[in-house]
Amino acid sequence: MLQASSWVLKEEVPTTGSQLTAESWKDYPILLSFAEIPEISVAVISQPECPSKGVGEASLGPTAGAIANAVTRALGIRMRDLPLTRDRIINQ
């Protein structure tokens, strides 16, 4: 969920025109601090009769959709480009 939140809210390869401006990973925007991370509650349901599978991977799509839908519901506009930055919302 945190990775999906970072994708939706911040992650974008920094460029100026067609020129890549990121010189290292420190120049790539991601959620970095606990202040940026929303409160999250997770419940993993034990199903020992089922084979072991990853539980985190299934959260990526729904997390991104939930954030985009929350923006639409709050602002009445459907954003179609990521990340959902303040500037993108203002220029919608």
Protein backbone atom coordinates (compact mmCIF):
# COMPACT_ATOMS: atom_id res chain seq x y z
CA MET A 1 0.00 0.00 0.00
CA LEU A 2 2.85 2.39 0.75
CA GLN A 3 4.52 1.72 -2.57
CA ALA A 4 1.25 2.30 -4.44
CA SER A 5 0.65 5.50 -2.46
CA SER A 6 4.10 6.71 -3.42
CA TRP A 7 3.44 5.92 -7.10
CA VAL A 8 0.13 7.76 -7.09
CA LEU A 9 1.14 10.81 -5.07
CA LYS A 10 4.80 11.46 -5.85
CA GLU A 11 6.73 9.18 -8.17
CA GLU A 12 7.62 10.62 -11.53
CA VAL A 13 10.90 10.63 -13.41
CA PRO A 14 12.13 14.24 -13.20
CA THR A 15 12.72 15.79 -16.62
CA THR A 16 13.05 19.14 -18.29
CA GLY A 17 11.56 18.71 -21.74
CA SER A 18 13.18 15.53 -23.04
CA GLN A 19 16.20 15.83 -20.71
CA LEU A 20 16.37 13.54 -17.68
CA THR A 21 17.24 15.66 -14.63
CA ALA A 22 17.55 12.94 -11.98
CA GLU A 23 21.20 12.08 -11.46
CA SER A 24 20.70 9.51 -8.72
CA TRP A 25 18.04 7.83 -6.60
CA LYS A 26 18.13 10.81 -4.19
CA ASP A 27 16.66 12.94 -7.00
CA TYR A 28 13.72 10.58 -7.53
CA PRO A 29 10.64 11.58 -5.50
CA ILE A 30 9.13 8.97 -3.18
CA LEU A 31 7.24 9.01 0.12
CA LEU A 32 10.11 9.42 2.56
CA SER A 33 8.96 10.33 6.02
CA PHE A 34 6.41 8.98 8.45
CA ALA A 35 4.68 12.39 8.29
CA GLU A 36 3.79 11.66 4.64
CA ILE A 37 2.42 8.19 5.30
CA PRO A 38 -1.27 7.82 6.15
CA GLU A 39 -2.43 5.60 9.00
CA ILE A 40 -2.88 2.07 7.71
CA SER A 41 -4.63 -0.90 9.26
CA VAL A 42 -4.01 -4.36 7.82
CA ALA A 43 -5.71 -7.65 8.62
CA VAL A 44 -4.20 -10.84 7.22
CA ILE A 45 -6.69 -13.67 7.35
CA SER A 46 -5.22 -17.07 8.08
CA GLN A 47 -6.36 -19.73 5.62
CA PRO A 48 -4.07 -22.71 6.26
CA GLU A 49 -5.98 -24.86 3.79
CA CYS A 50 -4.89 -22.56 0.93
CA PRO A 51 -1.40 -22.58 -0.59
CA SER A 52 0.97 -19.79 0.44
CA LYS A 53 0.79 -16.68 -1.77
CA GLY A 54 2.03 -13.10 -1.48
CA VAL A 55 -0.38 -10.83 0.36
CA GLY A 56 1.17 -7.44 -0.38
CA GLU A 57 1.11 -7.52 -4.17
CA ALA A 58 -2.67 -7.63 -4.33
CA SER A 59 -2.95 -4.23 -2.65
CA LEU A 60 -1.21 -2.13 -5.34
CA GLY A 61 -4.05 -1.68 -7.84
CA PRO A 62 -6.85 -1.15 -5.32
CA THR A 63 -4.75 1.35 -3.34
CA ALA A 64 -4.09 3.47 -6.41
CA GLY A 65 -7.75 3.30 -7.41
CA ALA A 66 -8.91 4.24 -3.91
CA ILE A 67 -6.69 7.33 -3.83
CA ALA A 68 -7.79 8.43 -7.32
CA ASN A 69 -11.44 7.87 -6.44
CA ALA A 70 -11.03 9.85 -3.21
CA VAL A 71 -9.65 12.80 -5.19
CA THR A 72 -12.57 12.56 -7.62
CA ARG A 73 -15.09 12.42 -4.82
CA ALA A 74 -13.51 15.29 -2.88
CA LEU A 75 -12.90 17.62 -5.84
CA GLY A 76 -15.41 16.48 -8.45
CA ILE A 77 -12.73 15.99 -11.12
CA ARG A 78 -11.31 12.78 -12.56
CA MET A 79 -7.54 12.88 -12.79
CA ARG A 80 -6.09 10.75 -15.59
CA ASP A 81 -2.34 11.30 -15.14
CA LEU A 82 -0.08 10.25 -12.30
CA PRO A 83 1.24 11.32 -9.94
CA LEU A 84 -1.72 13.21 -8.50
CA THR A 85 0.25 16.30 -7.55
CA ARG A 86 -1.12 19.65 -6.39
CA ASP A 87 0.05 21.31 -9.62
CA ARG A 88 -1.64 18.68 -11.81
CA ILE A 89 -4.90 19.06 -9.90
CA ILE A 90 -4.80 22.87 -10.15
CA ASN A 91 -4.05 22.70 -13.90
CA GLN A 92 -6.80 20.13 -14.58
